Amino acid sequence: MKLVSWNVNGLRACVNKGFYDYFKAADADIFCVQESKLQQDQICMEFEQEYYQYWNYALKKGYSGTAVFTRIKPLSVRYGLEEDEENEGRILTLEFDTFYLVNVYVPNARRDLSRLELRLEWEDRFRIYITQLDERKSVIICGDLNVAHQEIDIKNAKSNHGNSGFTAEERGKMTELLESGFIDTFRHLYPDRTDAYSWWSFMPKVRERNIGWRIDYFLISERLAPLLQEAAIEAHIIGSDHCPVTLAIDLVSK
């Protein structure tokens, strides 16, 4: 099974920058999108092959939002966390017969860290939610987690300590999530690989010089580790300030 996750930073804009070409070439069983920045009926996605489509829209126009395109029809779909009142369209959970898929766009703490407290509280709720799912079935989490977990995951670690996305608090929450029974698939396969990033700022020449952050992930339940085949970062794919990340896993769902 192949899965793709991509923060497109505006799906309509990304469609005009080659989204469909990549979607076709990727040939994924499940394709997840973050930051769709859409309201209902603002776009009609049509694919050559049949995909079921699920959307979680933010109430605020042009903001956040997630979507999943899947060849496999899920048993159920949940929008947001349980009793979630954020209205930011940040989570889609699809239940399949052998696993849960959670597509997530984690809140940003903002440059001035004004949302850090909210972010940390959200992380605690998310971890509880995920561990409850994991008690029932294995879980695959994908999306923009808005944190570079280790120094190896960011180009200029020293100068970014304490900045949004690289605070000790945010990195600690990522550690807590992993320690609750999950694997960072890319680091599991490539523990020492450097210069592997999934996001670059729009400042001039930053992407060309690969001054980036790895903040887009596939995490899996620890018991799925023997089924993990590949985890990749498609840094050559242009169309957003993020690039797609992919997962290949020997997992079958009807």
C-alpha atoms as a PDB file:
ATOM      1  CA  MET A   1       0.000   0.000   0.000  1.00  0.00           C
ATOM      2  CA  LYS A   2       1.261   3.466  -0.915  1.00  0.00           C
ATOM      3  CA  LEU A   3       0.259   6.631   0.923  1.00  0.00           C
ATOM      4  CA  VAL A   4       1.140  10.244   0.152  1.00  0.00           C
ATOM      5  CA  SER A   5       0.847  13.319   2.355  1.00  0.00           C
ATOM      6  CA  TRP A   6       1.277  16.880   1.095  1.00  0.00           C
ATOM      7  CA  ASN A   7       0.728  20.289   2.634  1.00  0.00           C
ATOM      8  CA  VAL A   8      -0.294  22.067  -0.551  1.00  0.00           C
ATOM      9  CA  ASN A   9      -0.616  25.555   1.009  1.00  0.00           C
ATOM     10  CA  GLY A  10      -3.748  26.242  -0.992  1.00  0.00           C
ATOM     11  CA  LEU A  11      -5.092  23.462  -3.177  1.00  0.00           C
ATOM     12  CA  ARG A  12      -6.438  25.703  -5.925  1.00  0.00           C
ATOM     13  CA  ALA A  13      -3.026  27.329  -6.322  1.00  0.00           C
ATOM     14  CA  CYS A  14      -1.292  23.948  -6.228  1.00  0.00           C
ATOM     15  CA  VAL A  15      -3.601  22.596  -8.951  1.00  0.00           C
ATOM     16  CA  ASN A  16      -2.216  25.356 -11.174  1.00  0.00           C
ATOM     17  CA  LYS A  17       1.332  24.288 -10.299  1.00  0.00           C
ATOM     18  CA  GLY A  18       1.214  20.628 -11.280  1.00  0.00           C
ATOM     19  CA  PHE A  19      -0.823  18.937  -8.547  1.00  0.00           C
ATOM     20  CA  TYR A  20      -2.648  16.643 -10.954  1.00  0.00           C
ATOM     21  CA  ASP A  21       0.585  15.611 -12.677  1.00  0.00           C
ATOM     22  CA  TYR A  22       2.101  14.558  -9.385  1.00  0.00           C
ATOM     23  CA  PHE A  23      -1.101  12.908  -8.197  1.00  0.00           C
ATOM     24  CA  LYS A  24      -1.212  10.748 -11.314  1.00  0.00           C
ATOM     25  CA  ALA A  25       2.487   9.880 -11.159  1.00  0.00           C
ATOM     26  CA  ALA A  26       2.332   9.056  -7.451  1.00  0.00           C
ATOM     27  CA  ASP A  27      -0.419   6.486  -8.061  1.00  0.00           C
ATOM     28  CA  ALA A  28      -1.196   6.331  -4.348  1.00  0.00           C
ATOM     29  CA  ASP A  29      -3.807   4.197  -2.677  1.00  0.00           C
ATOM     30  CA  ILE A  30      -4.431   7.024  -0.210  1.00  0.00           C
ATOM     31  CA  PHE A  31      -3.479  10.669  -0.815  1.00  0.00           C
ATOM     32  CA  CYS A  32      -3.738  13.164   2.052  1.00  0.00           C
ATOM     33  CA  VAL A  33      -3.694  16.949   1.810  1.00  0.00           C
ATOM     34  CA  GLN A  34      -3.246  19.658   4.429  1.00  0.00           C
ATOM     35  CA  GLU A  35      -3.876  23.396   4.151  1.00  0.00           C
ATOM     36  CA  SER A  36      -6.442  22.976   1.412  1.00  0.00           C
ATOM     37  CA  LYS A  37      -7.662  26.518   2.208  1.00  0.00           C
ATOM     38  CA  LEU A  38     -11.067  25.795   0.727  1.00  0.00           C
ATOM     39  CA  GLN A  39     -14.732  26.060   1.529  1.00  0.00           C
ATOM     40  CA  GLN A  40     -17.255  23.514   0.326  1.00  0.00           C
ATOM     41  CA  ASP A  41     -17.949  23.589  -3.436  1.00  0.00           C
ATOM     42  CA  GLN A  42     -14.988  25.862  -4.204  1.00  0.00           C
ATOM     43  CA  ILE A  43     -13.273  23.145  -6.201  1.00  0.00           C
ATOM     44  CA  CYS A  44     -14.243  19.952  -7.994  1.00  0.00           C
ATOM     45  CA  MET A  45     -11.456  17.368  -7.990  1.00  0.00           C
ATOM     46  CA  GLU A  46     -11.684  14.876 -10.843  1.00  0.00           C
ATOM     47  CA  PHE A  47      -9.266  11.972 -11.249  1.00  0.00           C
ATOM     48  CA  GLU A  48      -8.703   9.392 -13.970  1.00  0.00           C
ATOM     49  CA  GLN A  49      -9.251   6.601 -11.441  1.00  0.00           C
ATOM     50  CA  GLU A  50     -11.986   6.452  -8.856  1.00  0.00           C
ATOM     51  CA  TYR A  51     -11.162   7.949  -5.469  1.00  0.00           C
ATOM     52  CA  TYR A  52     -13.480   8.503  -2.551  1.00  0.00           C
ATOM     53  CA  GLN A  53     -13.095  12.094  -1.331  1.00  0.00           C
ATOM     54  CA  TYR A  54     -13.378  13.388   2.223  1.00  0.00           C
ATOM     55  CA  TRP A  55     -12.973  17.031   3.227  1.00  0.00           C
ATOM     56  CA  ASN A  56     -12.732  18.848   6.545  1.00  0.00           C
ATOM     57  CA  TYR A  57     -13.151  22.575   5.986  1.00  0.00           C
ATOM     58  CA  ALA A  58     -12.235  25.408   8.325  1.00  0.00           C
ATOM     59  CA  LEU A  59     -14.983  27.911   9.091  1.00  0.00           C
ATOM     60  CA  LYS A  60     -12.549  30.724   8.365  1.00  0.00           C
ATOM     61  CA  LYS A  61     -12.263  31.284   4.613  1.00  0.00           C
ATOM     62  CA  GLY A  62      -8.912  30.582   2.983  1.00  0.00           C
ATOM     63  CA  TYR A  63      -7.540  28.907   6.089  1.00  0.00           C
ATOM     64  CA  SER A  64      -6.315  25.468   7.141  1.00  0.00           C
ATOM     65  CA  GLY A  65      -8.406  22.471   6.028  1.00  0.00           C
ATOM     66  CA  THR A  66      -7.618  18.825   5.267  1.00  0.00           C
ATOM     67  CA  ALA A  67      -8.681  16.313   2.624  1.00  0.00           C
ATOM     68  CA  VAL A  68      -8.202  12.621   1.885  1.00  0.00           C
ATOM     69  CA  PHE A  69      -8.536  10.895  -1.481  1.00  0.00           C
ATOM     70  CA  THR A  70      -8.690   7.126  -1.150  1.00  0.00           C
ATOM     71  CA  ARG A  71      -9.235   4.182  -3.486  1.00  0.00           C
ATOM     72  CA  ILE A  72     -10.337   2.129  -0.474  1.00  0.00           C
ATOM     73  CA  LYS A  73     -13.716   3.005   0.955  1.00  0.00           C
ATOM     74  CA  PRO A  74     -13.403   3.566   4.717  1.00  0.00           C
ATOM     75  CA  LEU A  75     -15.682   1.981   7.270  1.00  0.00           C
ATOM     76  CA  SER A  76     -16.186   5.359   8.929  1.00  0.00           C
ATOM     77  CA  VAL A  77     -14.952   8.947   8.822  1.00  0.00           C
ATOM     78  CA  ARG A  78     -14.510  11.315  11.753  1.00  0.00           C
ATOM     79  CA  TYR A  79     -14.012  15.068  11.405  1.00  0.00           C
ATOM     80  CA  GLY A  80     -11.828  16.683  14.056  1.00  0.00           C
ATOM     81  CA  LEU A  81     -11.036  15.399  17.509  1.00  0.00           C
ATOM     82  CA  GLU A  82     -13.830  13.938  19.560  1.00  0.00           C
ATOM     83  CA  GLU A  83     -15.987  16.819  20.770  1.00  0.00           C
ATOM     84  CA  ASP A  84     -13.691  19.098  18.808  1.00  0.00           C
ATOM     85  CA  GLU A  85     -14.784  22.729  18.719  1.00  0.00           C
ATOM     86  CA  GLU A  86     -11.820  24.265  16.917  1.00  0.00           C
ATOM     87  CA  ASN A  87     -13.621  24.574  13.577  1.00  0.00           C
ATOM     88  CA  GLU A  88     -10.268  24.767  11.798  1.00  0.00           C
ATOM     89  CA  GLY A  89     -10.585  21.582   9.745  1.00  0.00           C
ATOM     90  CA  ARG A  90      -7.348  20.161  11.093  1.00  0.00           C
ATOM     91  CA  ILE A  91      -8.063  16.438  11.388  1.00  0.00           C
ATOM     92  CA  LEU A  92      -9.635  13.699   9.300  1.00  0.00           C
ATOM     93  CA  THR A  93      -9.748  10.159  10.684  1.00  0.00           C
ATOM     94  CA  LEU A  94     -10.626   7.315   8.347  1.00  0.00           C
ATOM     95  CA  GLU A  95     -11.270   3.875   9.770  1.00  0.00           C
ATOM     96  CA  PHE A  96     -10.389   0.870   7.621  1.00  0.00           C
ATOM     97  CA  ASP A  97     -10.764  -2.774   8.523  1.00  0.00           C
ATOM     98  CA  THR A  98      -7.182  -3.176   9.794  1.00  0.00           C
ATOM     99  CA  PHE A  99      -6.078   0.369  10.716  1.00  0.00           C
ATOM    100  CA  TYR A 100      -6.991   4.002  11.315  1.00  0.00           C
ATOM    101  CA  LEU A 101      -5.594   6.750   9.114  1.00  0.00           C
ATOM    102  CA  VAL A 102      -5.286  10.166  10.758  1.00  0.00           C
ATOM    103  CA  ASN A 103      -4.550  13.101   8.464  1.00  0.00           C
ATOM    104  CA  VAL A 104      -3.556  16.114  10.565  1.00  0.00           C
ATOM    105  CA  TYR A 105      -2.459  19.722  10.252  1.00  0.00           C
ATOM    106  CA  VAL A 106      -1.093  20.668  13.677  1.00  0.00           C
ATOM    107  CA  PRO A 107      -1.609  24.289  14.827  1.00  0.00           C
ATOM    108  CA  ASN A 108       1.333  26.636  14.436  1.00  0.00           C
ATOM    109  CA  ALA A 109       2.558  28.386  17.599  1.00  0.00           C
ATOM    110  CA  ARG A 110       3.066  31.565  15.517  1.00  0.00           C
ATOM    111  CA  ARG A 111       6.270  33.524  15.174  1.00  0.00           C
ATOM    112  CA  ASP A 112       5.719  35.412  18.431  1.00  0.00           C
ATOM    113  CA  LEU A 113       4.704  32.146  20.196  1.00  0.00           C
ATOM    114  CA  SER A 114       1.316  33.672  21.028  1.00  0.00           C
ATOM    115  CA  ARG A 115      -0.342  30.337  20.273  1.00  0.00           C
ATOM    116  CA  LEU A 116       2.208  28.147  22.018  1.00  0.00           C
ATOM    117  CA  GLU A 117       0.021  27.462  25.049  1.00  0.00           C
ATOM    118  CA  LEU A 118      -2.925  26.559  22.811  1.00  0.00           C
ATOM    119  CA  ARG A 119      -0.637  24.393  20.700  1.00  0.00           C
ATOM    120  CA  LEU A 120       0.635  22.425  23.708  1.00  0.00           C
ATOM    121  CA  GLU A 121      -2.874  21.865  25.053  1.00  0.00           C
ATOM    122  CA  TRP A 122      -3.979  20.710  21.591  1.00  0.00           C
ATOM    123  CA  GLU A 123      -1.024  18.302  21.453  1.00  0.00           C
ATOM    124  CA  ASP A 124      -2.105  16.698  24.734  1.00  0.00           C
ATOM    125  CA  ARG A 125      -5.640  16.184  23.449  1.00  0.00           C
ATOM    126  CA  PHE A 126      -4.343  14.809  20.175  1.00  0.00           C
ATOM    127  CA  ARG A 127      -2.046  12.330  21.922  1.00  0.00           C
ATOM    128  CA  ILE A 128      -4.905  11.054  24.080  1.00  0.00           C
ATOM    129  CA  TYR A 129      -7.096  10.706  21.000  1.00  0.00           C
ATOM    130  CA  ILE A 130      -4.427   8.806  19.058  1.00  0.00           C
ATOM    131  CA  THR A 131      -3.579   6.426  21.891  1.00  0.00           C
ATOM    132  CA  GLN A 132      -7.264   5.615  22.310  1.00  0.00           C
ATOM    133  CA  LEU A 133      -7.463   4.738  18.625  1.00  0.00           C
ATOM    134  CA  ASP A 134      -4.305   2.656  18.929  1.00  0.00           C
ATOM    135  CA  GLU A 135      -5.942   0.535  21.617  1.00  0.00           C
ATOM    136  CA  ARG A 136      -8.497  -0.583  19.019  1.00  0.00           C
ATOM    137  CA  LYS A 137      -6.470  -0.847  15.798  1.00  0.00           C
ATOM    138  CA  SER A 138      -3.084   0.150  14.443  1.00  0.00           C
ATOM    139  CA  VAL A 139      -2.780   3.810  13.469  1.00  0.00           C
ATOM    140  CA  ILE A 140      -1.072   5.651  10.615  1.00  0.00           C
ATOM    141  CA  ILE A 141      -0.657   9.381  11.250  1.00  0.00           C
ATOM    142  CA  CYS A 142       0.374  11.699   8.438  1.00  0.00           C
ATOM    143  CA  GLY A 143       0.573  15.399   7.867  1.00  0.00           C
ATOM    144  CA  ASP A 144       2.218  18.660   8.747  1.00  0.00           C
ATOM    145  CA  LEU A 145       3.112  18.348  12.428  1.00  0.00           C
ATOM    146  CA  ASN A 146       4.685  21.824  12.451  1.00  0.00           C
ATOM    147  CA  VAL A 147       7.760  20.752  14.417  1.00  0.00           C
ATOM    148  CA  ALA A 148      11.303  19.765  13.563  1.00  0.00           C
ATOM    149  CA  HIS A 149      11.792  17.045  16.145  1.00  0.00           C
ATOM    150  CA  GLN A 150      15.575  16.710  16.265  1.00  0.00           C
ATOM    151  CA  GLU A 151      18.468  18.972  15.345  1.00  0.00           C
ATOM    152  CA  ILE A 152      19.123  16.736  12.338  1.00  0.00           C
ATOM    153  CA  ASP A 153      15.661  17.744  11.057  1.00  0.00           C
ATOM    154  CA  ILE A 154      16.510  21.408  10.549  1.00  0.00           C
ATOM    155  CA  LYS A 155      19.288  23.099   8.614  1.00  0.00           C
ATOM    156  CA  ASN A 156      20.218  25.798  11.108  1.00  0.00           C
ATOM    157  CA  ALA A 157      19.401  24.220  14.448  1.00  0.00           C
ATOM    158  CA  LYS A 158      21.538  26.485  16.620  1.00  0.00           C
ATOM    159  CA  SER A 159      20.043  29.742  15.379  1.00  0.00           C
ATOM    160  CA  ASN A 160      16.474  28.387  15.488  1.00  0.00           C
ATOM    161  CA  HIS A 161      16.385  27.125  19.057  1.00  0.00           C
ATOM    162  CA  GLY A 162      13.337  28.642  20.717  1.00  0.00           C
ATOM    163  CA  ASN A 163      11.665  29.662  17.459  1.00  0.00           C
ATOM    164  CA  SER A 164       8.175  28.512  16.542  1.00  0.00           C
ATOM    165  CA  GLY A 165       8.359  24.899  15.386  1.00  0.00           C
ATOM    166  CA  PHE A 166      11.636  24.302  17.216  1.00  0.00           C
ATOM    167  CA  THR A 167      10.892  25.187  20.812  1.00  0.00           C
ATOM    168  CA  ALA A 168      11.796  22.734  23.552  1.00  0.00           C
ATOM    169  CA  GLU A 169       8.102  22.494  24.412  1.00  0.00           C
ATOM    170  CA  GLU A 170       6.975  21.541  20.905  1.00  0.00           C
ATOM    171  CA  ARG A 171       9.803  19.085  20.427  1.00  0.00           C
ATOM    172  CA  GLY A 172       8.994  17.584  23.809  1.00  0.00           C
ATOM    173  CA  LYS A 173       5.377  16.993  22.787  1.00  0.00           C
ATOM    174  CA  MET A 174       6.593  15.176  19.681  1.00  0.00           C
ATOM    175  CA  THR A 175       8.785  12.995  21.886  1.00  0.00           C
ATOM    176  CA  GLU A 176       5.813  12.249  24.130  1.00  0.00           C
ATOM    177  CA  LEU A 177       3.727  11.217  21.137  1.00  0.00           C
ATOM    178  CA  LEU A 178       6.395   8.858  19.846  1.00  0.00           C
ATOM    179  CA  GLU A 179       6.993   7.411  23.306  1.00  0.00           C
ATOM    180  CA  SER A 180       3.281   6.593  23.561  1.00  0.00           C
ATOM    181  CA  GLY A 181       3.799   3.849  20.986  1.00  0.00           C
ATOM    182  CA  PHE A 182       4.615   5.328  17.564  1.00  0.00           C
ATOM    183  CA  ILE A 183       7.469   5.371  15.063  1.00  0.00           C
ATOM    184  CA  ASP A 184       8.736   8.229  12.911  1.00  0.00           C
ATOM    185  CA  THR A 185       8.984   6.145   9.739  1.00  0.00           C
ATOM    186  CA  PHE A 186      11.612   8.239   7.968  1.00  0.00           C
ATOM    187  CA  ARG A 187      13.967   8.351  10.964  1.00  0.00           C
ATOM    188  CA  HIS A 188      13.323   4.671  11.656  1.00  0.00           C
ATOM    189  CA  LEU A 189      14.704   3.831   8.209  1.00  0.00           C
ATOM    190  CA  TYR A 190      17.230   6.653   7.917  1.00  0.00           C
ATOM    191  CA  PRO A 191      18.382   7.621  11.431  1.00  0.00           C
ATOM    192  CA  ASP A 192      21.466   9.522  10.255  1.00  0.00           C
ATOM    193  CA  ARG A 193      20.352  11.053   6.962  1.00  0.00           C
ATOM    194  CA  THR A 194      21.028  14.786   6.884  1.00  0.00           C
ATOM    195  CA  ASP A 195      19.718  17.561   4.627  1.00  0.00           C
ATOM    196  CA  ALA A 196      16.349  15.808   4.332  1.00  0.00           C
ATOM    197  CA  TYR A 197      13.676  18.488   4.577  1.00  0.00           C
ATOM    198  CA  SER A 198      10.030  18.901   3.625  1.00  0.00           C
ATOM    199  CA  TRP A 199       9.484  22.658   4.068  1.00  0.00           C
ATOM    200  CA  TRP A 200      11.376  25.759   2.964  1.00  0.00           C
ATOM    201  CA  SER A 201      10.512  29.402   3.505  1.00  0.00           C
ATOM    202  CA  PHE A 202       9.685  31.651   0.569  1.00  0.00           C
ATOM    203  CA  MET A 203      12.802  33.763   1.132  1.00  0.00           C
ATOM    204  CA  PRO A 204      14.985  34.038  -1.988  1.00  0.00           C
ATOM    205  CA  LYS A 205      17.228  31.052  -2.800  1.00  0.00           C
ATOM    206  CA  VAL A 206      16.294  29.199   0.404  1.00  0.00           C
ATOM    207  CA  ARG A 207      14.894  26.151  -1.352  1.00  0.00           C
ATOM    208  CA  GLU A 208      17.637  26.143  -3.963  1.00  0.00           C
ATOM    209  CA  ARG A 209      20.199  26.059  -1.132  1.00  0.00           C
ATOM    210  CA  ASN A 210      18.129  23.465   0.757  1.00  0.00           C
ATOM    211  CA  ILE A 211      17.847  25.528   3.930  1.00  0.00           C
ATOM    212  CA  GLY A 212      14.839  23.659   5.201  1.00  0.00           C
ATOM    213  CA  TRP A 213      12.948  21.929   7.978  1.00  0.00           C
ATOM    214  CA  ARG A 214      11.519  18.412   8.172  1.00  0.00           C
ATOM    215  CA  ILE A 215       8.050  19.011   9.608  1.00  0.00           C
ATOM    216  CA  ASP A 216       5.923  16.634   7.502  1.00  0.00           C
ATOM    217  CA  TYR A 217       5.720  13.068   8.749  1.00  0.00           C
ATOM    218  CA  PHE A 218       4.318   9.590   8.556  1.00  0.00           C
ATOM    219  CA  LEU A 219       4.074   8.042  12.012  1.00  0.00           C
ATOM    220  CA  ILE A 220       2.890   4.474  12.554  1.00  0.00           C
ATOM    221  CA  SER A 221       2.006   2.271  15.508  1.00  0.00           C
ATOM    222  CA  GLU A 222       5.108   0.423  16.712  1.00  0.00           C
ATOM    223  CA  ARG A 223       3.545  -2.959  15.894  1.00  0.00           C
ATOM    224  CA  LEU A 224       3.439  -1.970  12.212  1.00  0.00           C
ATOM    225  CA  ALA A 225       7.238  -1.626  12.052  1.00  0.00           C
ATOM    226  CA  PRO A 226       7.794  -5.085  10.478  1.00  0.00           C
ATOM    227  CA  LEU A 227       5.464  -4.058   7.629  1.00  0.00           C
ATOM    228  CA  LEU A 228       7.274  -0.797   6.841  1.00  0.00           C
ATOM    229  CA  GLN A 229       8.829  -0.849   3.359  1.00  0.00           C
ATOM    230  CA  GLU A 230       9.817   2.734   2.551  1.00  0.00           C
ATOM    231  CA  ALA A 231       9.409   6.324   3.710  1.00  0.00           C
ATOM    232  CA  ALA A 232      10.489   9.068   1.337  1.00  0.00           C
ATOM    233  CA  ILE A 233      10.615  12.837   0.982  1.00  0.00           C
ATOM    234  CA  GLU A 234       9.851  14.061  -2.555  1.00  0.00           C
ATOM    235  CA  ALA A 235      11.899  17.249  -2.347  1.00  0.00           C
ATOM    236  CA  HIS A 236      12.028  17.613  -6.122  1.00  0.00           C
ATOM    237  CA  ILE A 237       8.264  18.174  -6.349  1.00  0.00           C
ATOM    238  CA  ILE A 238       7.407  21.866  -6.649  1.00  0.00           C
ATOM    239  CA  GLY A 239       3.957  23.375  -6.169  1.00  0.00           C
ATOM    240  CA  SER A 240       3.971  24.395  -2.509  1.00  0.00           C
ATOM    241  CA  ASP A 241       6.429  25.568   0.123  1.00  0.00           C
ATOM    242  CA  HIS A 242       6.177  21.952   1.373  1.00  0.00           C
ATOM    243  CA  CYS A 243       6.961  18.856  -0.647  1.00  0.00           C
ATOM    244  CA  PRO A 244       5.101  15.535  -0.502  1.00  0.00           C
ATOM    245  CA  VAL A 245       6.181  12.737   1.827  1.00  0.00           C
ATOM    246  CA  THR A 246       5.342   9.118   1.072  1.00  0.00           C
ATOM    247  CA  LEU A 247       4.936   5.805   2.835  1.00  0.00           C
ATOM    248  CA  ALA A 248       5.016   2.249   1.460  1.00  0.00           C
ATOM    249  CA  ILE A 249       3.763  -0.380   3.866  1.00  0.00           C
ATOM    250  CA  ASP A 250       2.765  -4.006   3.461  1.00  0.00           C
ATOM    251  CA  LEU A 251      -0.727  -3.430   4.749  1.00  0.00           C
ATOM    252  CA  VAL A 252      -3.918  -4.446   2.997  1.00  0.00           C
ATOM    253  CA  SER A 253      -7.406  -3.162   3.646  1.00  0.00           C
ATOM    254  CA  LYS A 254     -10.543  -4.224   1.797  1.00  0.00           C
END
